Protein backbone atom coordinates (compact mmCIF):
# COMPACT_ATOMS: atom_id res chain seq x y z
CA MET A 1 -14.47 10.60 0.34
CA ARG A 2 -11.40 11.84 2.26
CA HIS A 3 -8.02 10.25 2.39
CA THR A 4 -5.02 10.34 4.63
CA GLY A 5 -2.86 8.04 2.61
CA ALA A 6 -5.84 5.72 2.21
CA THR A 7 -8.88 7.95 1.57
CA ALA A 8 -9.44 11.06 -0.55
CA GLY A 9 -9.94 14.63 0.75
CA VAL A 10 -13.03 16.81 0.38
CA ALA A 11 -11.99 20.05 -1.31
CA ASP A 12 -14.14 22.42 0.75
CA ILE A 13 -12.84 20.88 4.01
CA ARG A 14 -9.13 20.59 3.37
CA MET A 15 -8.71 24.29 2.49
CA GLN A 16 -9.90 25.49 5.91
CA THR A 17 -6.56 26.47 7.45
CA VAL A 18 -6.74 25.69 11.16
CA MET A 19 -3.03 26.25 11.89
CA THR A 20 -0.41 28.35 10.14
CA GLU A 21 1.92 26.82 7.56
CA ARG A 22 4.96 27.12 9.82
CA TYR A 23 3.18 25.79 12.90
CA THR A 24 1.83 22.86 10.91
CA ALA A 25 5.36 22.11 9.67
CA VAL A 26 6.90 22.27 13.17
CA LEU A 27 4.12 20.14 14.61
CA GLY A 28 4.36 17.66 11.75
CA ALA A 29 8.12 17.34 12.20
CA PHE A 30 7.71 16.73 15.92
CA LEU A 31 5.07 14.03 15.44
CA VAL A 32 6.85 12.30 12.55
CA ALA A 33 10.19 12.34 14.38
CA LEU A 34 8.94 9.93 17.04
CA GLY A 35 9.37 7.04 14.60
CA PRO A 36 12.90 7.81 13.36
CA VAL A 37 14.06 8.75 16.86
CA SER A 38 12.79 5.43 18.23
CA LEU A 39 14.80 3.73 15.50
CA ALA A 40 17.98 5.83 15.45
CA LEU A 41 18.36 6.16 19.22
CA TYR A 42 18.35 2.38 19.51
CA THR A 43 20.82 1.45 16.78
CA PRO A 44 24.10 2.03 18.69
CA ALA A 45 22.96 -0.51 21.28
CA MET A 46 22.24 -3.34 18.83
CA PRO A 47 25.69 -5.01 18.99
CA THR A 48 25.62 -4.66 22.79
CA LEU A 49 22.22 -6.37 23.02
CA VAL A 50 23.63 -9.47 21.33
CA ASP A 51 25.72 -10.04 24.48
CA GLU A 52 23.10 -8.74 26.94
CA PHE A 53 20.49 -11.28 25.82
CA ALA A 54 23.02 -13.99 24.90
CA THR A 55 21.51 -14.21 21.43
CA SER A 56 22.55 -13.80 17.80
CA SER A 57 22.86 -10.66 15.70
CA ALA A 58 20.04 -12.03 13.53
CA ALA A 59 17.72 -12.06 16.55
CA ILE A 60 18.60 -8.47 17.40
CA LYS A 61 18.03 -7.43 13.80
CA LEU A 62 14.61 -9.04 14.13
CA THR A 63 13.72 -6.33 16.65
CA ILE A 64 14.03 -3.83 13.80
CA THR A 65 11.82 -6.04 11.64
CA ALA A 66 9.27 -6.24 14.46
CA TYR A 67 9.30 -2.46 14.75
CA PHE A 68 8.65 -2.05 11.02
CA ILE A 69 5.88 -4.66 10.99
CA GLY A 70 3.94 -2.60 13.51
CA TYR A 71 4.95 0.64 11.81
CA ALA A 72 3.81 -0.46 8.34
CA LEU A 73 0.59 -2.27 9.21
CA ALA A 74 -0.67 0.38 11.64
CA GLN A 75 -0.43 3.08 8.97
CA LEU A 76 -3.16 1.25 7.04
CA ALA A 77 -5.53 1.88 9.95
CA CYS A 78 -4.38 5.31 11.15
CA GLY A 79 -5.74 7.19 8.14
CA PRO A 80 -9.28 5.78 8.07
CA LEU A 81 -9.57 5.94 11.86
CA SER A 82 -8.51 9.59 11.93
CA ASP A 83 -10.99 10.30 9.12
CA ALA A 84 -13.68 8.70 11.24
CA TYR A 85 -12.90 10.07 14.69
CA GLY A 86 -10.51 13.00 14.24
CA ARG A 87 -6.74 13.41 14.00
CA ARG A 88 -6.03 14.27 17.64
CA PRO A 89 -7.78 11.41 19.48
CA ILE A 90 -6.39 8.76 17.15
CA ALA A 91 -2.87 10.19 17.41
CA ILE A 92 -3.14 10.26 21.21
CA GLY A 93 -4.32 6.65 21.25
CA PHE A 94 -1.51 5.39 19.03
CA PHE A 95 1.17 7.37 20.85
CA SER A 96 -0.09 5.80 24.08
CA LEU A 97 0.66 2.41 22.49
CA HIS A 98 4.18 3.65 21.75
CA LEU A 99 4.56 4.68 25.38
CA LEU A 100 3.39 1.24 26.53
CA GLY A 101 5.81 -0.45 24.13
CA SER A 102 8.68 1.72 25.40
CA LEU A 103 7.96 0.70 28.99
CA ILE A 104 7.78 -3.00 28.04
CA ALA A 105 11.11 -2.74 26.19
CA LEU A 106 12.60 -0.82 29.11
CA TRP A 107 11.89 -3.65 31.56
CA SER A 108 12.13 -6.57 29.10
CA PRO A 109 13.80 -9.62 30.73
CA SER A 110 14.24 -11.49 27.45
CA ILE A 111 14.48 -11.01 23.70
CA GLY A 112 10.82 -12.08 23.40
CA TRP A 113 9.62 -9.22 25.57
CA LEU A 114 11.88 -6.81 23.69
CA LEU A 115 10.30 -7.93 20.41
CA ALA A 116 6.83 -7.35 21.85
CA GLY A 117 7.79 -3.88 23.02
CA ARG A 118 9.27 -2.99 19.65
CA ILE A 119 6.11 -4.09 17.80
CA LEU A 120 4.02 -1.82 20.04
CA GLN A 121 6.49 1.02 19.57
CA GLY A 122 6.29 0.72 15.80
CA THR A 123 2.49 0.51 15.89
CA GLY A 124 2.26 3.66 17.97
CA ALA A 125 4.84 5.63 16.00
CA ALA A 126 2.93 4.98 12.75
CA ALA A 127 0.41 7.65 13.71
CA GLY A 128 3.10 10.32 13.47
CA ILE A 129 3.71 9.97 9.75
CA ALA A 130 0.11 9.16 8.76
CA ILE A 131 -1.66 11.83 10.79
CA SER A 132 0.88 14.63 10.35
CA ARG A 133 0.52 14.28 6.57
CA ALA A 134 -3.25 14.19 6.98
CA MET A 135 -3.09 17.46 8.91
CA VAL A 136 -1.12 19.00 6.06
CA ARG A 137 -3.56 17.66 3.50
CA ASP A 138 -6.54 18.97 5.49
CA GLN A 139 -5.25 22.52 5.16
CA PHE A 140 -2.83 22.89 2.22
CA THR A 141 -2.36 21.73 -1.37
CA GLY A 142 0.11 22.23 -4.24
CA ALA A 143 3.33 24.17 -3.66
CA ALA A 144 2.34 25.03 -0.08
CA SER A 145 1.99 21.34 0.73
CA VAL A 146 5.40 20.57 -0.83
CA ARG A 147 6.99 23.45 1.13
CA ILE A 148 5.59 22.08 4.38
CA MET A 149 6.74 18.55 3.55
CA SER A 150 10.21 19.91 2.76
CA LEU A 151 10.34 21.92 5.96
CA ILE A 152 9.18 18.86 7.89
CA GLY A 153 11.98 16.91 6.21
CA LEU A 154 14.54 19.61 7.07
CA MET A 155 13.57 19.77 10.73
CA LEU A 156 13.09 16.03 10.84
CA ALA A 157 16.73 15.57 9.88
CA VAL A 158 17.83 17.18 13.15
CA ALA A 159 16.36 14.47 15.39
CA PRO A 160 17.87 11.45 13.56
CA ALA A 161 21.16 13.36 13.35
CA ILE A 162 21.30 13.81 17.11
CA SER A 163 19.71 10.49 18.09
CA PRO A 164 22.55 8.04 17.28
CA ALA A 165 25.10 10.31 18.98
CA LEU A 166 22.79 10.74 21.97
CA GLY A 167 22.15 6.99 21.99
CA GLY A 168 25.86 6.20 21.88
CA LEU A 169 26.65 8.71 24.65
CA THR A 170 23.77 7.45 26.81
CA LEU A 171 24.91 3.87 26.27
CA SER A 172 28.44 4.77 27.38
CA LEU A 173 27.14 6.38 30.60
CA PHE A 174 24.19 4.16 31.48
CA SER A 175 22.69 0.84 30.42
CA TRP A 176 20.79 0.13 27.21
CA ARG A 177 17.53 0.39 29.16
CA SER A 178 18.01 4.15 29.48
CA LEU A 179 17.49 4.45 25.71
CA PHE A 180 13.93 3.19 26.06
CA ALA A 181 13.39 5.55 28.99
CA LEU A 182 14.21 8.44 26.65
CA MET A 183 11.72 7.08 24.09
CA ALA A 184 9.04 6.87 26.79
CA ILE A 185 9.69 10.51 27.71
CA TYR A 186 9.36 11.58 24.06
CA ALA A 187 6.02 9.73 23.71
CA THR A 188 4.75 11.32 26.92
CA VAL A 189 5.65 14.82 25.70
CA ALA A 190 4.02 14.11 22.32
CA ILE A 191 0.78 13.08 24.04
CA GLY A 192 0.88 16.29 26.08
CA VAL A 193 1.39 18.41 22.94
CA LEU A 194 -1.55 16.72 21.23
CA LEU A 195 -3.75 17.29 24.27
CA PHE A 196 -2.92 20.93 24.89
CA ALA A 197 -1.24 22.52 21.84
CA VAL A 198 -2.91 21.05 18.74
CA ARG A 199 -6.19 21.98 17.08
CA GLU A 200 -8.30 19.43 15.24
CA THR A 201 -7.91 19.78 11.46
CA ASN A 202 -10.52 17.18 10.51
CA VAL A 203 -13.52 19.49 10.94
CA ARG A 204 -16.06 16.86 9.81
CA PRO A 205 -15.12 13.42 11.14
CA ASP A 206 -17.25 10.66 9.64
CA PRO A 207 -17.55 7.44 11.69
CA ALA A 208 -18.65 5.62 8.54
CA MET A 209 -15.04 5.79 7.31
CA ALA A 210 -14.06 3.23 9.97
CA ARG A 211 -16.57 0.61 8.79
CA PRO A 212 -14.81 -2.43 7.28
CA ARG A 213 -16.74 -2.17 4.01
CA GLN A 214 -15.85 1.51 3.56
CA PHE A 215 -12.29 0.79 4.69
CA MET A 216 -11.85 -1.88 2.01
CA ALA A 217 -13.57 0.22 -0.64
CA SER A 218 -11.15 3.07 -0.03
CA TYR A 219 -8.14 0.84 -0.50
CA ARG A 220 -9.64 -0.76 -3.60
CA ILE A 221 -9.84 2.70 -5.14
CA LEU A 222 -6.21 3.41 -4.29
CA LEU A 223 -5.02 0.04 -5.59
CA THR A 224 -6.52 0.87 -8.98
CA ASP A 225 -5.11 4.41 -9.08
CA GLY A 226 -1.99 4.33 -11.25
CA ALA A 227 -0.66 7.73 -10.12
CA PHE A 228 -0.97 6.77 -6.45
CA LEU A 229 0.68 3.39 -7.02
CA ARG A 230 3.61 4.94 -8.89
CA ALA A 231 4.18 7.53 -6.15
CA GLY A 232 3.72 4.91 -3.42
CA PHE A 233 6.14 2.48 -5.03
CA LEU A 234 8.72 5.25 -5.38
CA LEU A 235 8.36 6.21 -1.73
CA ALA A 236 8.64 2.56 -0.67
CA LEU A 237 11.82 2.17 -2.70
CA VAL A 238 13.71 5.19 -1.41
CA THR A 239 12.55 5.08 2.22
CA GLY A 240 12.89 1.30 2.39
CA GLY A 241 16.52 1.61 1.33
CA LEU A 242 17.23 4.05 4.15
CA TYR A 243 15.54 1.82 6.74
CA THR A 244 17.51 -1.17 5.47
CA LEU A 245 20.67 0.83 6.06
CA ALA A 246 19.52 1.58 9.60
CA THR A 247 19.47 -2.16 10.30
CA LEU A 248 22.84 -2.93 8.73
CA LEU A 249 25.04 0.08 9.52
CA PRO A 250 25.49 -0.55 13.29
CA PHE A 251 26.89 -4.02 12.63
CA VAL A 252 29.06 -2.85 9.71
CA LEU A 253 30.49 0.31 11.28
CA ILE A 254 30.73 -0.96 14.86
CA GLY A 255 31.29 -4.66 14.25
CA GLU A 256 33.51 -4.58 11.14
CA VAL A 257 34.96 -1.07 10.82
CA GLY A 258 35.53 -0.88 14.58
CA LEU A 259 33.79 2.35 15.60
CA THR A 260 32.65 2.81 19.18
CA PRO A 261 28.91 3.47 19.76
CA VAL A 262 29.67 7.17 20.36
CA LEU A 263 31.72 7.50 17.16
CA PHE A 264 29.03 5.61 15.27
CA GLY A 265 26.45 8.11 16.47
CA LEU A 266 28.62 11.05 15.49
CA GLY A 267 29.28 9.50 12.09
CA MET A 268 25.57 9.19 11.38
CA ILE A 269 25.33 12.98 11.50
CA LEU A 270 26.72 12.87 7.96
CA GLN A 271 23.66 10.93 6.81
CA SER A 272 21.22 13.28 8.50
CA GLY A 273 23.18 16.33 7.36
CA SER A 274 22.86 15.17 3.76
CA TYR A 275 19.13 14.69 4.26
CA ALA A 276 18.82 18.16 5.81
CA LEU A 277 20.68 19.76 2.90
CA GLY A 278 18.43 17.99 0.40
CA SER A 279 15.29 19.12 2.24
CA PHE A 280 16.55 22.70 2.37
CA LEU A 281 17.31 22.77 -1.34
CA THR A 282 13.94 21.23 -2.19
CA GLY A 283 12.15 23.98 -0.29
CA ARG A 284 14.22 26.66 -2.01
CA PHE A 285 13.86 25.40 -5.59
CA ILE A 286 10.41 23.77 -5.67
CA ASN A 287 8.81 26.88 -7.21
CA TYR A 288 11.48 27.11 -9.92
CA LEU A 289 11.99 23.50 -10.93
CA GLY A 290 8.71 21.85 -10.00
CA ALA A 291 8.19 18.59 -8.13
CA GLU A 292 8.79 16.27 -11.09
CA ARG A 293 12.24 17.64 -11.93
CA ILE A 294 13.33 17.58 -8.30
CA ILE A 295 12.17 13.97 -8.00
CA ALA A 296 14.17 13.07 -11.11
CA ILE A 297 17.30 14.69 -9.67
CA GLY A 298 16.77 12.85 -6.39
CA LEU A 299 16.51 9.51 -8.18
CA CYS A 300 19.84 10.20 -9.92
CA PHE A 301 21.46 10.51 -6.50
CA THR A 302 19.88 7.32 -5.15
CA PHE A 303 20.95 5.44 -8.29
CA THR A 304 24.52 6.71 -7.83
CA ALA A 305 24.37 5.58 -4.19
CA SER A 306 23.28 2.09 -5.25
CA LEU A 307 26.34 1.86 -7.51
CA GLY A 308 28.50 2.87 -4.55
CA PHE A 309 27.00 0.13 -2.39
CA PHE A 310 27.63 -2.40 -5.15
CA ILE A 311 31.30 -1.39 -5.34
CA ALA A 312 31.59 -1.59 -1.53
CA LEU A 313 30.57 -5.26 -1.62
CA PHE A 314 33.90 -6.17 -3.20
CA ARG A 315 36.19 -4.11 -0.96
CA GLU A 316 37.30 -4.06 2.64
CA PRO A 317 34.73 -1.96 4.54
CA SER A 318 35.84 1.46 5.74
CA PHE A 319 33.99 4.46 7.12
CA THR A 320 34.46 6.47 3.92
CA LEU A 321 33.55 3.63 1.58
CA VAL A 322 30.32 3.02 3.48
CA MET A 323 29.23 6.54 4.32
CA ILE A 324 29.65 8.25 0.94
CA PRO A 325 26.89 6.13 -0.69
CA VAL A 326 24.79 6.53 2.48
CA MET A 327 25.05 10.32 2.16
CA PHE A 328 24.08 10.19 -1.52
CA TRP A 329 21.06 8.02 -0.74
CA ALA A 330 19.90 10.33 2.08
CA PHE A 331 20.31 13.40 -0.14
CA GLY A 332 18.35 11.77 -2.95
CA LEU A 333 15.62 10.68 -0.53
CA ALA A 334 15.21 14.26 0.71
CA LEU A 335 14.73 15.48 -2.86
CA THR A 336 12.31 12.71 -3.76
CA MET A 337 10.08 12.35 -0.73
CA PRO A 338 8.18 15.71 -0.56
CA GLY A 339 7.05 15.71 -4.19
CA ALA A 340 6.24 11.99 -4.23
CA THR A 341 4.28 12.29 -0.97
CA THR A 342 2.26 15.24 -2.27
CA THR A 343 1.55 13.35 -5.50
CA ALA A 344 0.34 10.31 -3.58
CA LEU A 345 -1.88 12.36 -1.26
CA ALA A 346 -3.38 14.24 -4.20
CA ASN A 347 -4.90 11.05 -5.65
């Protein structure tokens, strides 16, 4: 039985290297980045959308929740479907949903339509993280897999670093709708890359993997696997914290600290820069320290960040007071994610 997050890999299949390590890392970063870009590019516009739709900040925050509902639930299906029918066709299908969601959000006349578009965007973007990791798992294991995950993390940091600044600049020059036009362009390019520049890594697709009974059996196995559950819970904790920050920071830094959308975007480069530094260091020291020690160091940074957030609750918000814990959390996440992901995929 194979798994891409949900099903286990066949040893004689996954070691057939279809693409080089570097190409797999670049491709994985590009596919995974669709999700964070769709999130980060949008955040500078959130306070503006409160006025545009004559609604509350809670309703606009719900668009982030809608995005994550689609993003989380769709990942449960991406793995088994790509096991059954191949990585490329499933990725193309899901990215087409993202493109459709981007167009709906682009022309949305009300908050309801925007919510619908964001759900479809999240559903489509889920294929990036699920299938890129499956492509890595199909071809590489051990230290090579961790190196690729680290390199993906390093290159992945560039897109979220640029996206808020690009979103803020675009918002200052055009309307908020132009942000969704950029997302639609990204999805279109991703579909083109999958069609013309990607080789199939699942050399033996098995349609039986998509049957409901097999689907449920695969997840039953994972839900009784202690090592997988520990790694999965750890990933949920550290990545969930970062996504929570993505929802809150625009309203804190723009609404309370007083930054403009452009300055907010530039300020978020500190978060992505910390993540990039952590990914770089993980790739450099994985062979010397091992995944477990690097994960432990990363958790120390996220714990320190949580203390910083707790202190910030009792003080007047400022850019420095908010961003220092954010940088610590991002750095710790970059150290934790590659090893934890590899551990989860190995079970």
